[in-house]
């Protein structure tokens, strides 16, 4: 199924309709945005504290008393299942002397007790006891005074928990936009997907380098050449769409694009560009198909075969794909949720990247990688994986589910080093990189607010 370039097209499913594009400027993106402590301060005060932030998966809060912590910049938030139908979030800081109540991670509690002086809070954050509370606090008994852990706004969408430090902020549904919510709902995330990989990797770069790295396909020819024999990265094949603060591209797979010509194919050991490639052969095998004689020399015609096989496999497994269009069964629907979430979505799994700023250093960040897999009807959900922490270069790269992730990660330090050079003034973006420009435009709007 082709994607029309006509924004008014009514012949396509809503998820495939092209959005109108905003007007574009040509200014450089200033490099100081990746280096400056002052920019980092403004981002925290004017942006991070005013936006909806993905905190963690709802599946970590299955029972009353289950909790996890969410760290962003200098803050830590406790997210807790306080009732069968209620999830709450609160600052993870004791109101006595400011000690963090829970260390990073997830667990179960009947109440939260600060380990320093044993101040005890209910699941909802109300102080219920404190040593010597009834006689040794001249300003007032802290329990009787009703001290509580300050609340943070919290909402749930499709099995993902979001928080917002701004009590006056718009609702999550308005923030995400109706289009994005409808698109993501079609995959049945909340009902059928569970986390099975959870990593945090310390990157030696600004958090926006992480965002930028996954917001364009222009780099495929440079650092992902092995993807060229089974995907089409050309701008015409990969439409860009913009939804409020957010954006998307659709990365076409299952067929080599026009860049895969005879010269490139021969350089990779093929007879010509029409021969079935290793990448397409691997996709066929993954869907239970072996290349057939009538397919030889027609590699660029096999996309419908792959789509049909993907839907047939899903039907055999009892997976309901009736809400998915053909493209969703094969392609990577790649969303960016402002300010820091990258989603690579397929019918059977999705990757969630979260780009978090370092608490104090503008030239460091934390990159969270979570993989969610679809659980078939009657299949047991995978056990909750442990959260693992790494730094670039410690060998974890070999365990990524795809080599492209390690290749992207390897660029982080080199990009940050280049930002420091007197010979570099700012990002000189191609038109196909306009998702990066759009992200910075939205960021600029927040930074300009008082």
Protein backbone atom coordinates (compact mmCIF):
# COMPACT_ATOMS: atom_id res chain seq x y z
CA UNK A 1 0.00 0.00 0.00
CA UNK A 2 1.47 3.33 -1.02
CA UNK A 3 1.40 6.45 1.09
CA UNK A 4 -0.13 9.42 -0.64
CA UNK A 5 1.66 12.74 -0.52
CA UNK A 6 -1.71 14.47 -0.64
CA UNK A 7 -2.68 15.61 2.88
CA UNK A 8 -6.35 15.66 1.86
CA UNK A 9 -6.40 12.04 0.72
CA UNK A 10 -9.40 10.13 2.06
CA UNK A 11 -8.55 6.82 0.39
CA UNK A 12 -5.97 5.79 2.99
CA UNK A 13 -6.40 4.50 6.52
CA UNK A 14 -6.08 7.38 9.01
CA UNK A 15 -2.72 6.16 10.26
CA UNK A 16 -1.27 6.55 6.76
CA UNK A 17 -2.62 9.98 5.90
CA UNK A 18 0.05 12.60 5.34
CA UNK A 19 -0.09 15.61 7.64
CA UNK A 20 0.42 19.14 6.35
CA UNK A 21 3.94 20.44 6.87
CA UNK A 22 4.78 23.63 8.74
CA UNK A 23 6.90 26.31 7.05
CA UNK A 24 10.62 25.65 7.38
CA UNK A 25 13.53 27.97 8.02
CA UNK A 26 17.17 27.35 7.13
CA UNK A 27 18.99 28.56 10.23
CA UNK A 28 21.80 26.57 11.81
CA UNK A 29 20.92 24.83 15.08
CA UNK A 30 23.43 26.48 17.45
CA UNK A 31 26.00 24.14 18.94
CA UNK A 32 25.81 25.94 22.31
CA UNK A 33 22.53 24.12 22.87
CA UNK A 34 24.59 20.95 23.39
CA UNK A 35 27.29 22.50 25.58
CA UNK A 36 25.90 25.27 27.75
CA UNK A 37 25.13 24.90 31.45
CA UNK A 38 22.83 27.92 31.11
CA UNK A 39 20.81 26.20 28.37
CA UNK A 40 20.64 23.12 30.60
CA UNK A 41 19.24 25.26 33.44
CA UNK A 42 16.63 26.85 31.19
CA UNK A 43 15.59 23.46 29.83
CA UNK A 44 14.98 22.21 33.34
CA UNK A 45 13.05 25.23 34.55
CA UNK A 46 11.04 25.96 31.41
CA UNK A 47 10.66 22.64 29.65
CA UNK A 48 11.30 19.48 31.71
CA UNK A 49 9.11 20.68 34.57
CA UNK A 50 6.18 21.47 32.23
CA UNK A 51 5.87 18.45 29.92
CA UNK A 52 4.48 14.94 30.22
CA UNK A 53 7.28 12.43 30.77
CA UNK A 54 7.18 8.66 30.36
CA UNK A 55 8.01 7.24 33.80
CA UNK A 56 7.71 3.46 33.35
CA UNK A 57 5.51 0.50 32.36
CA UNK A 58 2.19 -0.02 34.11
CA UNK A 59 2.97 -3.76 34.31
CA UNK A 60 5.45 -2.90 37.09
CA UNK A 61 2.45 -1.80 39.19
CA UNK A 62 0.31 -4.92 39.06
CA UNK A 63 -0.71 -5.02 42.75
CA UNK A 64 -1.53 -2.42 45.37
CA UNK A 65 1.79 -1.50 46.97
CA UNK A 66 3.89 -2.05 43.85
CA UNK A 67 6.06 0.97 43.06
CA UNK A 68 8.95 2.15 40.93
CA UNK A 69 11.10 5.24 40.94
CA UNK A 70 11.58 7.59 38.01
CA UNK A 71 14.70 9.74 37.83
CA UNK A 72 14.87 12.82 35.63
CA UNK A 73 17.49 15.53 36.03
CA UNK A 74 17.82 16.30 39.76
CA UNK A 75 14.45 14.79 40.68
CA UNK A 76 13.30 11.35 41.75
CA UNK A 77 9.62 10.41 41.70
CA UNK A 78 7.84 7.53 43.45
CA UNK A 79 5.14 6.01 41.24
CA UNK A 80 2.83 3.75 43.26
CA UNK A 81 -0.24 1.57 42.80
CA UNK A 82 -2.29 2.94 45.70
CA UNK A 83 -5.59 1.19 44.88
CA UNK A 84 -6.76 -1.39 42.32
CA UNK A 85 -7.90 1.45 40.07
CA UNK A 86 -5.43 4.17 41.03
CA UNK A 87 -1.78 5.01 40.31
CA UNK A 88 -0.20 8.01 42.02
CA UNK A 89 3.14 9.77 41.81
CA UNK A 90 4.94 11.83 44.45
CA UNK A 91 8.34 13.34 45.09
CA UNK A 92 10.73 10.72 46.44
CA UNK A 93 12.05 12.93 49.24
CA UNK A 94 11.39 12.81 52.98
CA UNK A 95 9.87 16.00 54.34
CA UNK A 96 12.12 15.85 57.42
CA UNK A 97 15.67 16.32 56.15
CA UNK A 98 15.36 15.73 52.42
CA UNK A 99 16.70 12.20 52.16
CA UNK A 100 15.46 10.14 49.23
CA UNK A 101 13.09 7.53 50.61
CA UNK A 102 13.61 4.80 48.01
CA UNK A 103 16.64 4.03 45.89
CA UNK A 104 16.29 3.72 42.13
CA UNK A 105 14.32 0.65 41.10
CA UNK A 106 10.99 -1.07 41.64
CA UNK A 107 9.51 -3.09 44.46
CA UNK A 108 6.62 -3.60 46.85
CA UNK A 109 5.76 -1.69 50.01
CA UNK A 110 2.91 -1.44 52.54
CA UNK A 111 4.23 1.99 53.49
CA UNK A 112 7.33 4.08 52.80
CA UNK A 113 9.75 4.55 55.67
CA UNK A 114 12.68 6.92 55.36
CA UNK A 115 15.77 4.94 56.42
CA UNK A 116 17.40 7.98 58.04
CA UNK A 117 15.04 8.87 60.92
CA UNK A 118 12.19 6.38 60.37
CA UNK A 119 9.55 8.84 59.26
CA UNK A 120 6.81 6.63 57.84
CA UNK A 121 4.43 7.54 55.01
CA UNK A 122 1.33 5.79 53.69
CA UNK A 123 1.24 4.54 50.10
CA UNK A 124 -0.56 7.79 49.22
CA UNK A 125 2.30 9.83 50.74
CA UNK A 126 0.69 10.94 54.02
CA UNK A 127 2.99 11.02 57.05
CA UNK A 128 1.60 8.47 59.53
CA UNK A 129 4.35 8.32 62.16
CA UNK A 130 7.64 9.89 63.18
CA UNK A 131 9.79 9.23 66.26
CA UNK A 132 9.06 11.71 69.09
CA UNK A 133 6.48 13.46 66.94
CA UNK A 134 4.15 14.18 69.85
CA UNK A 135 6.58 16.18 72.04
CA UNK A 136 9.79 17.24 70.28
CA UNK A 137 8.77 19.47 67.36
CA UNK A 138 8.23 23.07 68.51
CA UNK A 139 6.67 24.16 65.22
CA UNK A 140 3.98 21.40 65.46
CA UNK A 141 3.59 17.66 65.54
CA UNK A 142 4.47 16.77 61.89
CA UNK A 143 1.92 13.95 61.80
CA UNK A 144 -0.88 16.07 63.20
CA UNK A 145 0.15 18.91 60.88
CA UNK A 146 -0.62 16.65 57.93
CA UNK A 147 2.80 16.57 56.29
CA UNK A 148 2.71 14.69 52.99
CA UNK A 149 5.00 13.83 50.13
CA UNK A 150 4.19 16.45 47.46
CA UNK A 151 2.15 14.94 44.65
CA UNK A 152 3.18 14.81 40.98
CA UNK A 153 0.53 14.58 38.27
CA UNK A 154 0.21 11.06 36.92
CA UNK A 155 -1.77 9.52 34.04
CA UNK A 156 -1.71 6.20 32.20
CA UNK A 157 -1.96 5.56 28.48
CA UNK A 158 -1.73 2.14 26.78
CA UNK A 159 0.22 0.48 29.56
CA UNK A 160 2.66 3.39 29.93
CA UNK A 161 2.74 5.67 32.99
CA UNK A 162 3.39 9.38 32.46
CA UNK A 163 4.11 12.10 35.02
CA UNK A 164 4.13 15.90 34.93
CA UNK A 165 5.57 18.26 37.56
CA UNK A 166 3.23 21.06 36.47
CA UNK A 167 -0.12 20.81 38.25
CA UNK A 168 -1.60 23.27 35.74
CA UNK A 169 -0.49 21.44 32.61
CA UNK A 170 -2.93 20.18 30.01
CA UNK A 171 -4.22 16.61 30.26
CA UNK A 172 -2.07 13.84 28.81
CA UNK A 173 -4.61 13.15 26.05
CA UNK A 174 -4.42 16.73 24.86
CA UNK A 175 -0.63 16.71 25.07
CA UNK A 176 -0.21 13.52 23.04
CA UNK A 177 -2.88 14.57 20.47
CA UNK A 178 -5.79 12.47 19.27
CA UNK A 179 -3.88 11.26 16.19
CA UNK A 180 -0.93 9.87 18.15
CA UNK A 181 -3.20 8.21 20.69
CA UNK A 182 -5.32 6.56 18.00
CA UNK A 183 -2.24 5.38 16.11
CA UNK A 184 -0.65 3.80 19.18
CA UNK A 185 -3.92 2.31 20.38
CA UNK A 186 -4.19 0.26 17.19
CA UNK A 187 -1.30 -1.94 18.37
CA UNK A 188 -3.11 -2.94 21.62
CA UNK A 189 -0.09 -2.09 23.76
CA UNK A 190 -1.78 -2.00 27.12
CA UNK A 191 -3.47 -5.37 26.65
CA UNK A 192 -0.88 -7.47 24.84
CA UNK A 193 2.67 -6.11 25.26
CA UNK A 194 5.12 -6.71 28.12
CA UNK A 195 8.64 -5.46 28.78
CA UNK A 196 11.41 -8.04 28.31
CA UNK A 197 14.56 -5.86 28.16
CA UNK A 198 15.43 -2.86 30.34
CA UNK A 199 18.82 -1.13 30.09
CA UNK A 200 20.27 2.25 30.97
CA UNK A 201 23.47 3.28 29.20
CA UNK A 202 25.53 6.32 30.18
CA UNK A 203 26.36 8.28 27.03
CA UNK A 204 29.15 10.92 26.99
CA UNK A 205 27.03 13.52 25.20
CA UNK A 206 24.15 15.95 25.59
CA UNK A 207 20.69 14.35 25.69
CA UNK A 208 19.69 16.10 22.47
CA UNK A 209 22.38 14.21 20.56
CA UNK A 210 20.48 11.07 21.52
CA UNK A 211 17.21 12.54 20.28
CA UNK A 212 18.74 13.81 17.04
CA UNK A 213 20.42 10.47 16.30
CA UNK A 214 17.11 8.65 16.01
CA UNK A 215 15.11 11.40 14.32
CA UNK A 216 16.39 10.90 10.78
CA UNK A 217 17.27 8.21 8.23
CA UNK A 218 19.90 10.24 6.42
CA UNK A 219 22.64 8.37 8.30
CA UNK A 220 21.73 4.87 7.09
CA UNK A 221 24.14 4.99 4.17
CA UNK A 222 26.94 6.00 6.51
CA UNK A 223 26.75 3.77 9.57
CA UNK A 224 24.08 1.15 8.71
CA UNK A 225 25.11 -0.05 5.21
CA UNK A 226 23.95 -3.60 6.00
CA UNK A 227 20.35 -2.31 6.07
CA UNK A 228 20.45 -1.06 2.49
CA UNK A 229 19.72 -4.49 0.97
CA UNK A 230 16.31 -4.81 2.69
CA UNK A 231 14.98 -1.30 3.23
CA UNK A 232 14.20 1.91 1.40
CA UNK A 233 15.55 4.95 3.24
CA UNK A 234 14.85 7.49 0.50
CA UNK A 235 12.76 10.54 1.46
CA UNK A 236 10.06 9.68 -1.08
CA UNK A 237 9.51 6.26 0.50
CA UNK A 238 9.63 7.36 4.15
CA UNK A 239 7.02 10.05 4.79
CA UNK A 240 7.40 12.48 7.68
CA UNK A 241 4.41 13.61 9.71
CA UNK A 242 3.94 16.16 12.50
CA UNK A 243 1.40 15.95 15.31
CA UNK A 244 1.41 18.86 17.73
CA UNK A 245 4.78 18.68 19.49
CA UNK A 246 5.50 15.21 18.13
CA UNK A 247 6.56 13.66 14.83
CA UNK A 248 6.84 10.40 12.91
CA UNK A 249 8.44 8.75 9.95
CA UNK A 250 7.62 5.37 8.44
CA UNK A 251 10.72 3.34 7.67
CA UNK A 252 9.99 1.03 4.74
CA UNK A 253 11.42 -2.49 4.98
CA UNK A 254 11.12 -5.66 2.95
CA UNK A 255 12.40 -4.16 -0.29
CA UNK A 256 15.69 -2.52 -1.27
CA UNK A 257 15.24 1.09 -2.35
CA UNK A 258 16.54 2.90 -5.42
CA UNK A 259 19.93 3.44 -3.77
CA UNK A 260 20.36 -0.34 -4.05
CA UNK A 261 21.52 -0.28 -7.66
CA UNK A 262 23.68 -2.71 -9.64
CA UNK A 263 26.90 -1.03 -8.53
CA UNK A 264 26.04 -1.25 -4.82
CA UNK A 265 24.77 -4.81 -5.20
CA UNK A 266 27.94 -5.97 -6.98
CA UNK A 267 30.08 -4.30 -4.34
CA UNK A 268 28.28 -6.48 -1.80
CA UNK A 269 28.82 -9.64 -3.83
CA UNK A 270 25.53 -9.89 -5.74
CA UNK A 271 25.07 -10.44 -9.45
CA UNK A 272 22.87 -7.34 -9.77
CA UNK A 273 20.32 -5.32 -7.80
CA UNK A 274 17.47 -7.72 -8.61
CA UNK A 275 18.94 -10.76 -6.88
CA UNK A 276 17.31 -11.75 -3.57
CA UNK A 277 19.47 -10.19 -0.88
CA UNK A 278 20.60 -11.58 2.45
CA UNK A 279 18.39 -9.10 4.29
CA UNK A 280 15.23 -10.02 2.39
CA UNK A 281 16.11 -13.72 2.60
CA UNK A 282 16.36 -13.36 6.38
CA UNK A 283 12.94 -11.71 6.52
CA UNK A 284 11.44 -14.50 4.41
CA UNK A 285 12.94 -17.11 6.70
CA UNK A 286 11.63 -15.31 9.77
CA UNK A 287 8.12 -15.59 8.34
CA UNK A 288 8.53 -19.29 7.54
CA UNK A 289 9.17 -18.84 3.81
CA UNK A 290 11.96 -20.11 1.61
CA UNK A 291 12.85 -18.29 -1.64
CA UNK A 292 11.00 -19.76 -4.61
CA UNK A 293 12.38 -20.03 -8.14
CA UNK A 294 9.76 -17.62 -9.50
CA UNK A 295 10.99 -14.96 -7.05
CA UNK A 296 14.58 -14.97 -8.24
CA UNK A 297 15.54 -11.72 -9.92
CA UNK A 298 12.47 -9.96 -8.47
CA UNK A 299 13.61 -8.88 -5.01
CA UNK A 300 11.91 -5.51 -5.32
CA UNK A 301 8.53 -7.18 -5.90
CA UNK A 302 8.46 -9.32 -2.72
CA UNK A 303 7.03 -6.78 -0.26
CA UNK A 304 3.39 -7.99 -0.81
CA UNK A 305 4.57 -11.57 -0.21
CA UNK A 306 6.15 -10.56 3.10
CA UNK A 307 3.06 -8.65 4.22
CA UNK A 308 0.74 -11.54 3.41
CA UNK A 309 3.00 -13.96 5.27
CA UNK A 310 3.17 -11.64 8.28
CA UNK A 311 -0.62 -11.46 8.53
CA UNK A 312 -1.00 -15.20 8.03
CA UNK A 313 1.53 -15.92 10.78
CA UNK A 314 -0.27 -13.58 13.16
CA UNK A 315 -3.58 -15.30 12.42
CA UNK A 316 -2.02 -18.71 13.12
CA UNK A 317 -0.77 -17.42 16.45
CA UNK A 318 -4.18 -16.08 17.37
CA UNK A 319 -3.04 -12.47 17.28
CA UNK A 320 -5.71 -10.00 16.26
CA UNK A 321 -4.27 -7.78 13.54
CA UNK A 322 -7.61 -6.57 12.23
CA UNK A 323 -6.84 -3.07 13.50
CA UNK A 324 -3.51 -2.90 11.64
CA UNK A 325 -3.06 -1.90 8.02
CA UNK A 326 -0.64 -3.88 5.85
CA UNK A 327 2.19 -1.41 6.34
CA UNK A 328 2.06 -1.84 10.12
CA UNK A 329 2.71 -5.57 9.75
CA UNK A 330 6.08 -4.97 8.13
CA UNK A 331 7.36 -1.41 8.52
CA UNK A 332 8.89 0.46 11.44
CA UNK A 333 6.42 3.14 12.49
CA UNK A 334 8.84 5.51 14.17
CA UNK A 335 7.36 8.09 16.54
CA UNK A 336 9.06 10.81 18.55
CA UNK A 337 7.11 11.97 21.59
CA UNK A 338 8.42 15.33 22.74
CA UNK A 339 10.64 15.84 24.59
CA UNK A 340 12.56 12.58 24.91
CA UNK A 341 10.83 9.38 23.76
CA UNK A 342 11.69 7.51 20.56
CA UNK A 343 9.44 4.61 19.54
CA UNK A 344 10.28 1.97 16.93
CA UNK A 345 7.04 0.04 16.50
CA UNK A 346 6.28 -3.19 14.67
CA UNK A 347 3.34 -5.54 14.97
CA UNK A 348 5.08 -7.97 17.34
CA UNK A 349 7.41 -5.79 19.40
CA UNK A 350 8.48 -2.23 19.96
CA UNK A 351 11.57 -0.44 21.20
CA UNK A 352 11.29 2.53 23.52
CA UNK A 353 14.28 4.87 23.85
CA UNK A 354 14.23 7.47 26.61
CA UNK A 355 16.84 10.25 26.45
CA UNK A 356 17.40 11.69 29.94
CA UNK A 357 19.59 14.66 30.83
CA UNK A 358 22.39 14.17 33.33
CA UNK A 359 21.54 15.87 36.65
CA UNK A 360 24.50 18.30 36.51
CA UNK A 361 26.57 17.90 33.33
CA UNK A 362 25.25 19.19 29.97
CA UNK A 363 27.72 16.94 28.13
CA UNK A 364 26.44 13.67 29.58
CA UNK A 365 23.13 11.83 29.37
CA UNK A 366 21.35 8.59 30.29
CA UNK A 367 19.89 6.54 27.46
CA UNK A 368 17.20 4.05 28.46
CA UNK A 369 16.47 1.15 26.14
CA UNK A 370 13.33 -0.88 26.79
CA UNK A 371 11.99 -3.63 24.55
CA UNK A 372 8.36 -4.73 24.72
CA UNK A 373 7.14 -7.95 23.09
CA UNK A 374 3.65 -9.04 22.16
CA UNK A 375 2.25 -11.83 24.29
CA UNK A 376 0.09 -14.21 22.27
CA UNK A 377 -3.28 -15.38 23.63
CA UNK A 378 -2.70 -18.15 26.16
CA UNK A 379 1.02 -17.43 26.32
CA UNK A 380 2.61 -16.61 29.67
CA UNK A 381 4.07 -13.12 29.90
CA UNK A 382 7.87 -13.04 30.08
CA UNK A 383 9.32 -12.47 33.56
CA UNK A 384 10.10 -8.85 34.36
CA UNK A 385 13.76 -8.39 33.30
CA UNK A 386 16.25 -6.86 35.73
CA UNK A 387 17.19 -3.27 35.10
CA UNK A 388 20.81 -3.21 33.92
CA UNK A 389 23.21 -0.24 33.90
CA UNK A 390 26.06 0.16 31.41
CA UNK A 391 28.48 2.70 29.99
CA UNK A 392 29.48 2.95 26.35
CA UNK A 393 32.40 0.67 25.57
CA UNK A 394 31.94 -1.89 28.36
CA UNK A 395 30.95 -4.68 25.97
CA UNK A 396 27.16 -4.54 26.37
CA UNK A 397 26.89 -3.53 22.71
CA UNK A 398 27.29 -7.15 21.64
CA UNK A 399 24.01 -7.99 23.41
CA UNK A 400 21.84 -5.52 21.53
CA UNK A 401 19.01 -7.20 19.59
CA UNK A 402 20.24 -5.40 16.45
CA UNK A 403 23.71 -4.20 15.41
CA UNK A 404 22.28 -0.84 14.32
CA UNK A 405 21.74 0.15 17.97
CA UNK A 406 25.41 -0.37 18.76
CA UNK A 407 26.35 1.57 15.65
CA UNK A 408 24.17 4.51 16.68
CA UNK A 409 25.50 4.45 20.22
CA UNK A 410 29.11 4.50 18.99
CA UNK A 411 28.57 7.93 17.42
CA UNK A 412 27.68 9.67 20.70
CA UNK A 413 31.12 10.68 21.97
CA UNK A 414 32.41 11.65 18.52
CA UNK A 415 29.43 13.95 18.00
CA UNK A 416 29.86 15.62 21.39
CA UNK A 417 33.59 16.13 20.78
CA UNK A 418 32.79 17.79 17.47
CA UNK A 419 30.40 20.19 19.19
CA UNK A 420 33.33 21.56 21.21
CA UNK A 421 35.39 22.39 18.12
CA UNK A 422 36.00 26.02 17.15
CA UNK A 423 35.65 24.79 13.58
CA UNK A 424 31.97 23.88 14.02
CA UNK A 425 29.20 26.50 14.29
CA UNK A 426 26.00 24.47 14.36
CA UNK A 427 23.81 21.82 12.70
CA UNK A 428 23.48 22.35 8.92
CA UNK A 429 20.43 20.20 8.30
CA UNK A 430 19.13 18.53 5.16
CA UNK A 431 15.42 18.78 4.37
CA UNK A 432 15.00 15.07 5.15
CA UNK A 433 16.34 15.84 8.65
CA UNK A 434 13.52 18.25 9.39
CA UNK A 435 12.24 16.16 12.29
CA UNK A 436 15.36 17.41 14.11
CA UNK A 437 14.52 20.99 13.14
CA UNK A 438 10.94 20.49 14.33
CA UNK A 439 12.11 19.10 17.67
CA UNK A 440 14.36 22.12 18.21
CA UNK A 441 11.56 24.47 17.19
CA UNK A 442 9.27 23.02 19.86
CA UNK A 443 12.10 23.17 22.39
CA UNK A 444 12.74 26.82 21.52
CA UNK A 445 9.09 27.63 22.21
CA UNK A 446 9.42 26.27 25.74
CA UNK A 447 12.72 28.05 26.36
CA UNK A 448 11.20 31.36 25.25
CA UNK A 449 8.47 31.13 27.91
CA UNK A 450 9.03 32.97 31.20
